Amino acid sequence: MKPYPHHYKVASTAGPDGEVVLAGIGLEPIRSAPPVEFGGPGDRWSPESLLIAALADCFVLTFRAIARASRLPWVSLRCEIEGTLEREAGVSRFTLFELNARLGVPAGTDVELAQRAMHKAEQGCLISNSLSGRRQLTASVDIVA
């Protein structure tokens, strides 16, 4: 890992109507639009869905690092997140992030260690630590063949 601080740069380009194009150095462009709730088409990534996706992605990547360091064997991890956007004191903001993580592990794996690793991932995720909304993790472990 490189020493801190890290810097990340993205540019957005748009006209008066239509999509917004998000681009970063060496990255494929992403086209976004407002979600249906804000009058958008609902068929593009939106700032809201990108934020939730960043949280889900960070959870998985943080879990990978923790599992590797803990020597925890695992087969699959699915993380679904629902963010609740509310209007409080005249400001729209996400107030709650409900994470539902389902981990598949091979037979003989320490399930308690797997549970702890998922909770550590939620607590250590830099994206979730950068958000002000409450977080709620439901973590389950399945033995898979």
N, C-alpha and C. Protein backbone atom coordinates (compact mmCIF):
# COMPACT_ATOMS: atom_id res chain seq x y z
N MET A 1 0.85 -1.18 0.00
CA MET A 1 0.00 0.00 0.00
C MET A 1 0.89 1.24 0.00
N LYS A 2 0.45 2.23 -0.70
CA LYS A 2 1.18 3.50 -0.74
C LYS A 2 0.88 4.29 0.53
N PRO A 3 1.81 5.14 0.95
CA PRO A 3 1.57 5.95 2.16
C PRO A 3 0.47 6.99 1.93
N TYR A 4 -0.17 7.37 3.02
CA TYR A 4 -1.22 8.40 2.97
C TYR A 4 -0.58 9.77 2.85
N PRO A 5 -1.25 10.78 2.35
CA PRO A 5 -2.62 10.74 1.85
C PRO A 5 -2.71 10.18 0.44
N HIS A 6 -3.85 9.59 0.13
CA HIS A 6 -4.15 9.12 -1.23
C HIS A 6 -5.07 10.16 -1.87
N HIS A 7 -4.97 10.33 -3.16
CA HIS A 7 -5.81 11.30 -3.88
C HIS A 7 -6.50 10.58 -5.03
N TYR A 8 -7.78 10.88 -5.23
CA TYR A 8 -8.57 10.27 -6.29
C TYR A 8 -9.24 11.38 -7.07
N LYS A 9 -9.18 11.29 -8.40
CA LYS A 9 -9.70 12.37 -9.23
C LYS A 9 -10.65 11.81 -10.27
N VAL A 10 -11.84 12.39 -10.34
CA VAL A 10 -12.86 12.02 -11.32
C VAL A 10 -13.42 13.31 -11.89
N ALA A 11 -13.80 13.26 -13.17
CA ALA A 11 -14.42 14.42 -13.81
C ALA A 11 -15.80 14.02 -14.31
N SER A 12 -16.73 14.96 -14.26
CA SER A 12 -18.07 14.75 -14.82
C SER A 12 -18.30 15.77 -15.93
N THR A 13 -18.96 15.30 -16.99
CA THR A 13 -19.25 16.16 -18.14
C THR A 13 -20.71 15.97 -18.51
N ALA A 14 -21.40 17.08 -18.76
CA ALA A 14 -22.82 16.99 -19.13
C ALA A 14 -23.25 18.24 -19.87
N GLY A 15 -24.37 18.11 -20.56
CA GLY A 15 -25.04 19.24 -21.18
C GLY A 15 -26.28 19.58 -20.37
N PRO A 16 -27.13 20.47 -20.91
CA PRO A 16 -28.33 20.89 -20.17
C PRO A 16 -29.30 19.75 -19.88
N ASP A 17 -29.32 18.72 -20.69
CA ASP A 17 -30.21 17.57 -20.50
C ASP A 17 -29.43 16.29 -20.76
N GLY A 18 -30.01 15.17 -20.36
CA GLY A 18 -29.42 13.86 -20.66
C GLY A 18 -28.45 13.38 -19.63
N GLU A 19 -27.62 12.45 -20.07
CA GLU A 19 -26.70 11.76 -19.18
C GLU A 19 -25.54 12.65 -18.73
N VAL A 20 -24.95 12.21 -17.63
CA VAL A 20 -23.69 12.76 -17.15
C VAL A 20 -22.64 11.67 -17.40
N VAL A 21 -21.50 12.04 -17.93
CA VAL A 21 -20.43 11.07 -18.15
C VAL A 21 -19.37 11.30 -17.08
N LEU A 22 -19.06 10.22 -16.36
CA LEU A 22 -18.05 10.25 -15.31
C LEU A 22 -16.80 9.56 -15.85
N ALA A 23 -15.65 10.18 -15.66
CA ALA A 23 -14.41 9.62 -16.19
C ALA A 23 -13.27 9.82 -15.21
N GLY A 24 -12.37 8.87 -15.23
CA GLY A 24 -11.17 8.94 -14.43
C GLY A 24 -10.01 8.39 -15.24
N ILE A 25 -8.82 8.76 -14.88
CA ILE A 25 -7.63 8.33 -15.62
C ILE A 25 -7.53 6.81 -15.60
N GLY A 26 -7.49 6.22 -16.79
CA GLY A 26 -7.36 4.78 -16.92
C GLY A 26 -8.63 3.99 -16.64
N LEU A 27 -9.76 4.66 -16.49
CA LEU A 27 -11.02 3.99 -16.15
C LEU A 27 -12.01 4.10 -17.31
N GLU A 28 -12.86 3.07 -17.44
CA GLU A 28 -13.94 3.14 -18.41
C GLU A 28 -14.93 4.21 -17.96
N PRO A 29 -15.43 5.03 -18.87
CA PRO A 29 -16.44 6.03 -18.48
C PRO A 29 -17.72 5.37 -17.98
N ILE A 30 -18.38 6.03 -17.08
CA ILE A 30 -19.68 5.60 -16.56
C ILE A 30 -20.69 6.67 -16.93
N ARG A 31 -21.83 6.26 -17.45
CA ARG A 31 -22.90 7.20 -17.77
C ARG A 31 -23.92 7.16 -16.64
N SER A 32 -24.29 8.33 -16.15
CA SER A 32 -25.24 8.37 -15.04
C SER A 32 -26.40 9.30 -15.38
N ALA A 33 -27.45 9.16 -14.60
CA ALA A 33 -28.64 10.00 -14.75
C ALA A 33 -29.35 9.99 -13.40
N PRO A 34 -30.28 10.91 -13.20
CA PRO A 34 -31.01 10.89 -11.94
C PRO A 34 -31.82 9.59 -11.81
N PRO A 35 -32.05 9.14 -10.57
CA PRO A 35 -32.91 7.96 -10.39
C PRO A 35 -34.36 8.33 -10.64
N VAL A 36 -35.21 7.32 -10.75
CA VAL A 36 -36.64 7.52 -10.98
C VAL A 36 -37.23 8.47 -9.93
N GLU A 37 -36.77 8.31 -8.68
CA GLU A 37 -37.32 9.12 -7.58
C GLU A 37 -37.12 10.62 -7.81
N PHE A 38 -36.13 10.99 -8.62
CA PHE A 38 -35.88 12.39 -8.93
C PHE A 38 -36.21 12.73 -10.38
N GLY A 39 -37.09 11.92 -10.99
CA GLY A 39 -37.54 12.22 -12.35
C GLY A 39 -36.65 11.68 -13.45
N GLY A 40 -35.70 10.83 -13.10
CA GLY A 40 -34.80 10.27 -14.10
C GLY A 40 -35.38 9.02 -14.74
N PRO A 41 -34.64 8.47 -15.72
CA PRO A 41 -35.15 7.33 -16.47
C PRO A 41 -35.10 6.00 -15.70
N GLY A 42 -34.23 5.89 -14.71
CA GLY A 42 -34.15 4.67 -13.92
C GLY A 42 -33.35 3.56 -14.58
N ASP A 43 -32.70 3.85 -15.71
CA ASP A 43 -31.94 2.81 -16.39
C ASP A 43 -30.44 3.11 -16.44
N ARG A 44 -30.00 4.00 -15.58
CA ARG A 44 -28.59 4.36 -15.51
C ARG A 44 -28.17 4.37 -14.04
N TRP A 45 -26.87 4.27 -13.82
CA TRP A 45 -26.35 4.49 -12.48
C TRP A 45 -26.63 5.94 -12.12
N SER A 46 -26.94 6.19 -10.87
CA SER A 46 -27.19 7.55 -10.37
C SER A 46 -26.20 7.83 -9.26
N PRO A 47 -26.08 9.09 -8.84
CA PRO A 47 -25.20 9.36 -7.70
C PRO A 47 -25.58 8.51 -6.47
N GLU A 48 -26.88 8.32 -6.28
CA GLU A 48 -27.35 7.54 -5.13
C GLU A 48 -26.93 6.07 -5.25
N SER A 49 -27.15 5.48 -6.44
CA SER A 49 -26.78 4.07 -6.60
C SER A 49 -25.26 3.89 -6.60
N LEU A 50 -24.52 4.87 -7.12
CA LEU A 50 -23.06 4.78 -7.10
C LEU A 50 -22.52 4.83 -5.66
N LEU A 51 -23.15 5.63 -4.82
CA LEU A 51 -22.73 5.69 -3.41
C LEU A 51 -22.95 4.35 -2.73
N ILE A 52 -24.12 3.76 -2.94
CA ILE A 52 -24.42 2.46 -2.33
C ILE A 52 -23.49 1.39 -2.90
N ALA A 53 -23.22 1.46 -4.21
CA ALA A 53 -22.30 0.51 -4.84
C ALA A 53 -20.90 0.64 -4.25
N ALA A 54 -20.45 1.87 -4.01
CA ALA A 54 -19.13 2.08 -3.41
C ALA A 54 -19.06 1.44 -2.03
N LEU A 55 -20.12 1.54 -1.28
CA LEU A 55 -20.17 0.94 0.06
C LEU A 55 -20.12 -0.59 -0.04
N ALA A 56 -20.89 -1.18 -0.95
CA ALA A 56 -20.89 -2.64 -1.12
C ALA A 56 -19.52 -3.13 -1.59
N ASP A 57 -18.93 -2.43 -2.54
CA ASP A 57 -17.62 -2.79 -3.06
C ASP A 57 -16.56 -2.70 -1.97
N CYS A 58 -16.58 -1.63 -1.21
CA CYS A 58 -15.59 -1.44 -0.14
C CYS A 58 -15.73 -2.52 0.93
N PHE A 59 -16.97 -2.89 1.26
CA PHE A 59 -17.19 -3.95 2.24
C PHE A 59 -16.52 -5.24 1.79
N VAL A 60 -16.75 -5.62 0.52
CA VAL A 60 -16.18 -6.86 0.00
C VAL A 60 -14.65 -6.79 -0.03
N LEU A 61 -14.10 -5.69 -0.52
CA LEU A 61 -12.64 -5.57 -0.60
C LEU A 61 -11.99 -5.54 0.79
N THR A 62 -12.64 -4.90 1.74
CA THR A 62 -12.14 -4.88 3.12
C THR A 62 -12.22 -6.28 3.72
N PHE A 63 -13.33 -6.98 3.45
CA PHE A 63 -13.46 -8.35 3.95
C PHE A 63 -12.35 -9.24 3.38
N ARG A 64 -12.07 -9.09 2.09
CA ARG A 64 -10.99 -9.89 1.47
C ARG A 64 -9.68 -9.73 2.24
N ALA A 65 -9.34 -8.49 2.54
CA ALA A 65 -8.08 -8.22 3.24
C ALA A 65 -8.10 -8.83 4.64
N ILE A 66 -9.21 -8.71 5.33
CA ILE A 66 -9.32 -9.26 6.70
C ILE A 66 -9.28 -10.78 6.66
N ALA A 67 -9.99 -11.38 5.71
CA ALA A 67 -10.00 -12.84 5.60
C ALA A 67 -8.59 -13.36 5.28
N ARG A 68 -7.90 -12.67 4.40
CA ARG A 68 -6.53 -13.07 4.04
C ARG A 68 -5.63 -13.01 5.28
N ALA A 69 -5.71 -11.90 6.01
CA ALA A 69 -4.88 -11.74 7.20
C ALA A 69 -5.24 -12.74 8.29
N SER A 70 -6.51 -13.14 8.35
CA SER A 70 -6.98 -14.09 9.35
C SER A 70 -6.85 -15.54 8.90
N ARG A 71 -6.40 -15.72 7.66
CA ARG A 71 -6.33 -17.06 7.07
C ARG A 71 -7.69 -17.75 7.09
N LEU A 72 -8.71 -16.98 6.83
CA LEU A 72 -10.08 -17.49 6.82
C LEU A 72 -10.42 -17.97 5.41
N PRO A 73 -10.67 -19.27 5.24
CA PRO A 73 -11.06 -19.75 3.92
C PRO A 73 -12.52 -19.37 3.62
N TRP A 74 -12.79 -18.99 2.39
CA TRP A 74 -14.15 -18.67 2.01
C TRP A 74 -14.30 -18.88 0.51
N VAL A 75 -15.56 -19.02 0.08
CA VAL A 75 -15.86 -19.35 -1.30
C VAL A 75 -16.55 -18.19 -2.01
N SER A 76 -17.50 -17.56 -1.33
CA SER A 76 -18.26 -16.48 -1.96
C SER A 76 -18.78 -15.52 -0.90
N LEU A 77 -19.02 -14.30 -1.34
CA LEU A 77 -19.58 -13.27 -0.46
C LEU A 77 -20.52 -12.41 -1.30
N ARG A 78 -21.75 -12.28 -0.84
CA ARG A 78 -22.72 -11.40 -1.48
C ARG A 78 -23.13 -10.35 -0.46
N CYS A 79 -23.04 -9.10 -0.86
CA CYS A 79 -23.40 -8.00 0.03
C CYS A 79 -24.46 -7.16 -0.67
N GLU A 80 -25.65 -7.14 -0.11
CA GLU A 80 -26.73 -6.29 -0.61
C GLU A 80 -26.90 -5.14 0.37
N ILE A 81 -27.03 -3.95 -0.16
CA ILE A 81 -27.17 -2.78 0.70
C ILE A 81 -28.38 -1.97 0.25
N GLU A 82 -29.16 -1.56 1.23
CA GLU A 82 -30.26 -0.63 0.98
C GLU A 82 -29.97 0.65 1.74
N GLY A 83 -29.94 1.75 1.01
CA GLY A 83 -29.73 3.05 1.64
C GLY A 83 -31.05 3.78 1.74
N THR A 84 -31.29 4.41 2.85
CA THR A 84 -32.52 5.19 3.06
C THR A 84 -32.18 6.67 2.97
N LEU A 85 -32.76 7.32 1.98
CA LEU A 85 -32.57 8.75 1.77
C LEU A 85 -33.77 9.48 2.35
N GLU A 86 -33.51 10.44 3.24
CA GLU A 86 -34.59 11.19 3.87
C GLU A 86 -34.28 12.68 3.79
N ARG A 87 -35.29 13.44 4.05
CA ARG A 87 -35.15 14.90 4.11
C ARG A 87 -35.29 15.30 5.57
N GLU A 88 -34.23 15.86 6.13
CA GLU A 88 -34.21 16.29 7.52
C GLU A 88 -33.72 17.72 7.59
N ALA A 89 -34.48 18.56 8.27
CA ALA A 89 -34.11 19.98 8.45
C ALA A 89 -33.80 20.64 7.11
N GLY A 90 -34.59 20.29 6.09
CA GLY A 90 -34.42 20.91 4.78
C GLY A 90 -33.27 20.38 3.95
N VAL A 91 -32.63 19.28 4.41
CA VAL A 91 -31.48 18.72 3.70
C VAL A 91 -31.75 17.25 3.40
N SER A 92 -31.53 16.85 2.16
CA SER A 92 -31.64 15.44 1.80
C SER A 92 -30.33 14.75 2.10
N ARG A 93 -30.41 13.60 2.79
CA ARG A 93 -29.20 12.85 3.10
C ARG A 93 -29.56 11.41 3.41
N PHE A 94 -28.58 10.54 3.23
CA PHE A 94 -28.77 9.14 3.61
C PHE A 94 -28.68 9.04 5.13
N THR A 95 -29.71 8.45 5.72
CA THR A 95 -29.76 8.33 7.18
C THR A 95 -29.47 6.91 7.67
N LEU A 96 -29.63 5.92 6.78
CA LEU A 96 -29.44 4.53 7.18
C LEU A 96 -28.91 3.72 6.00
N PHE A 97 -27.95 2.84 6.30
CA PHE A 97 -27.42 1.90 5.33
C PHE A 97 -27.57 0.51 5.93
N GLU A 98 -28.44 -0.31 5.35
CA GLU A 98 -28.68 -1.67 5.83
C GLU A 98 -27.90 -2.64 4.96
N LEU A 99 -26.88 -3.24 5.55
CA LEU A 99 -26.02 -4.19 4.84
C LEU A 99 -26.47 -5.61 5.17
N ASN A 100 -26.69 -6.40 4.14
CA ASN A 100 -27.03 -7.80 4.31
C ASN A 100 -25.95 -8.60 3.62
N ALA A 101 -25.07 -9.21 4.40
CA ALA A 101 -23.93 -9.94 3.86
C ALA A 101 -24.12 -11.43 4.09
N ARG A 102 -23.91 -12.20 3.03
CA ARG A 102 -24.04 -13.66 3.10
C ARG A 102 -22.73 -14.26 2.60
N LEU A 103 -22.04 -14.96 3.50
CA LEU A 103 -20.73 -15.53 3.24
C LEU A 103 -20.84 -17.03 3.09
N GLY A 104 -20.25 -17.57 2.03
CA GLY A 104 -20.16 -19.01 1.85
C GLY A 104 -18.77 -19.48 2.21
N VAL A 105 -18.70 -20.47 3.10
CA VAL A 105 -17.41 -20.99 3.55
C VAL A 105 -17.39 -22.51 3.38
N PRO A 106 -16.20 -23.10 3.23
CA PRO A 106 -16.11 -24.56 3.13
C PRO A 106 -16.37 -25.23 4.49
N ALA A 107 -16.77 -26.48 4.43
CA ALA A 107 -17.00 -27.26 5.65
C ALA A 107 -15.74 -27.22 6.51
N GLY A 108 -15.94 -27.16 7.82
CA GLY A 108 -14.82 -27.14 8.76
C GLY A 108 -14.33 -25.75 9.09
N THR A 109 -14.89 -24.73 8.46
CA THR A 109 -14.49 -23.35 8.73
C THR A 109 -15.07 -22.90 10.06
N ASP A 110 -14.31 -22.12 10.81
CA ASP A 110 -14.76 -21.54 12.07
C ASP A 110 -15.80 -20.46 11.76
N VAL A 111 -17.06 -20.77 11.98
CA VAL A 111 -18.16 -19.85 11.65
C VAL A 111 -18.09 -18.58 12.49
N GLU A 112 -17.69 -18.72 13.75
CA GLU A 112 -17.57 -17.54 14.61
C GLU A 112 -16.49 -16.59 14.09
N LEU A 113 -15.37 -17.13 13.63
CA LEU A 113 -14.32 -16.32 13.04
C LEU A 113 -14.83 -15.62 11.78
N ALA A 114 -15.61 -16.32 10.98
CA ALA A 114 -16.18 -15.74 9.76
C ALA A 114 -17.12 -14.59 10.09
N GLN A 115 -17.95 -14.77 11.11
CA GLN A 115 -18.85 -13.70 11.56
C GLN A 115 -18.05 -12.48 12.01
N ARG A 116 -17.03 -12.71 12.82
CA ARG A 116 -16.20 -11.61 13.31
C ARG A 116 -15.52 -10.87 12.16
N ALA A 117 -15.07 -11.62 11.17
CA ALA A 117 -14.40 -11.00 10.02
C ALA A 117 -15.37 -10.09 9.26
N MET A 118 -16.62 -10.50 9.11
CA MET A 118 -17.59 -9.64 8.42
C MET A 118 -17.86 -8.37 9.22
N HIS A 119 -17.96 -8.50 10.52
CA HIS A 119 -18.19 -7.30 11.35
C HIS A 119 -16.97 -6.38 11.33
N LYS A 120 -15.77 -6.96 11.31
CA LYS A 120 -14.56 -6.14 11.19
C LYS A 120 -14.53 -5.41 9.86
N ALA A 121 -14.98 -6.09 8.79
CA ALA A 121 -15.02 -5.46 7.47
C ALA A 121 -15.98 -4.28 7.47
N GLU A 122 -17.11 -4.43 8.11
CA GLU A 122 -18.08 -3.32 8.17
C GLU A 122 -17.50 -2.16 8.96
N GLN A 123 -16.81 -2.44 10.04
CA GLN A 123 -16.24 -1.39 10.87
C GLN A 123 -15.02 -0.75 10.23
N GLY A 124 -14.29 -1.50 9.39
CA GLY A 124 -13.06 -1.00 8.80
C GLY A 124 -13.20 -0.41 7.42
N CYS A 125 -14.37 -0.52 6.83
CA CYS A 125 -14.58 -0.02 5.46
C CYS A 125 -14.43 1.50 5.42
N LEU A 126 -13.49 1.99 4.63
CA LEU A 126 -13.24 3.43 4.60
C LEU A 126 -14.40 4.22 4.02
N ILE A 127 -15.18 3.62 3.14
CA ILE A 127 -16.35 4.33 2.59
C ILE A 127 -17.40 4.48 3.68
N SER A 128 -17.73 3.40 4.38
CA SER A 128 -18.74 3.51 5.44
C SER A 128 -18.28 4.43 6.56
N ASN A 129 -16.98 4.45 6.83
CA ASN A 129 -16.46 5.36 7.86
C ASN A 129 -16.49 6.81 7.42
N SER A 130 -16.71 7.06 6.14
CA SER A 130 -16.78 8.42 5.63
C SER A 130 -18.22 8.94 5.54
N LEU A 131 -19.18 8.11 5.89
CA LEU A 131 -20.60 8.47 5.79
C LEU A 131 -21.17 8.77 7.17
N SER A 132 -22.16 9.65 7.21
CA SER A 132 -22.74 10.01 8.50
C SER A 132 -23.98 9.20 8.86
N GLY A 133 -24.59 8.51 7.91
CA GLY A 133 -25.78 7.72 8.20
C GLY A 133 -25.46 6.51 9.06
N ARG A 134 -26.48 6.04 9.80
CA ARG A 134 -26.31 4.83 10.62
C ARG A 134 -26.09 3.63 9.71
N ARG A 135 -25.36 2.65 10.23
CA ARG A 135 -25.12 1.41 9.50
C ARG A 135 -25.66 0.25 10.32
N GLN A 136 -26.24 -0.70 9.62
CA GLN A 136 -26.77 -1.88 10.29
C GLN A 136 -26.37 -3.09 9.46
N LEU A 137 -25.60 -4.01 10.05
CA LEU A 137 -25.11 -5.18 9.34
C LEU A 137 -25.85 -6.43 9.81
N THR A 138 -26.39 -7.18 8.85
CA THR A 138 -26.90 -8.52 9.10
C THR A 138 -25.95 -9.46 8.36
N ALA A 139 -25.23 -10.27 9.09
CA ALA A 139 -24.21 -11.15 8.50
C ALA A 139 -24.59 -12.60 8.74
N SER A 140 -24.58 -13.38 7.66
CA SER A 140 -24.87 -14.81 7.80
C SER A 140 -23.78 -15.61 7.11
N VAL A 141 -23.55 -16.81 7.62
CA VAL A 141 -22.52 -17.69 7.09
C VAL A 141 -23.19 -19.01 6.70
N ASP A 142 -22.90 -19.44 5.48
CA ASP A 142 -23.42 -20.72 4.97
C ASP A 142 -22.25 -21.64 4.68
N ILE A 143 -22.38 -22.91 5.07
CA ILE A 143 -21.40 -23.93 4.70
C ILE A 143 -21.76 -24.39 3.29
N VAL A 144 -20.78 -24.30 2.38
CA VAL A 144 -21.03 -24.69 0.99
C VAL A 144 -20.10 -25.83 0.61
N ALA A 145 -20.54 -26.61 -0.33
CA ALA A 145 -19.74 -27.77 -0.77
C ALA A 145 -18.60 -27.34 -1.65
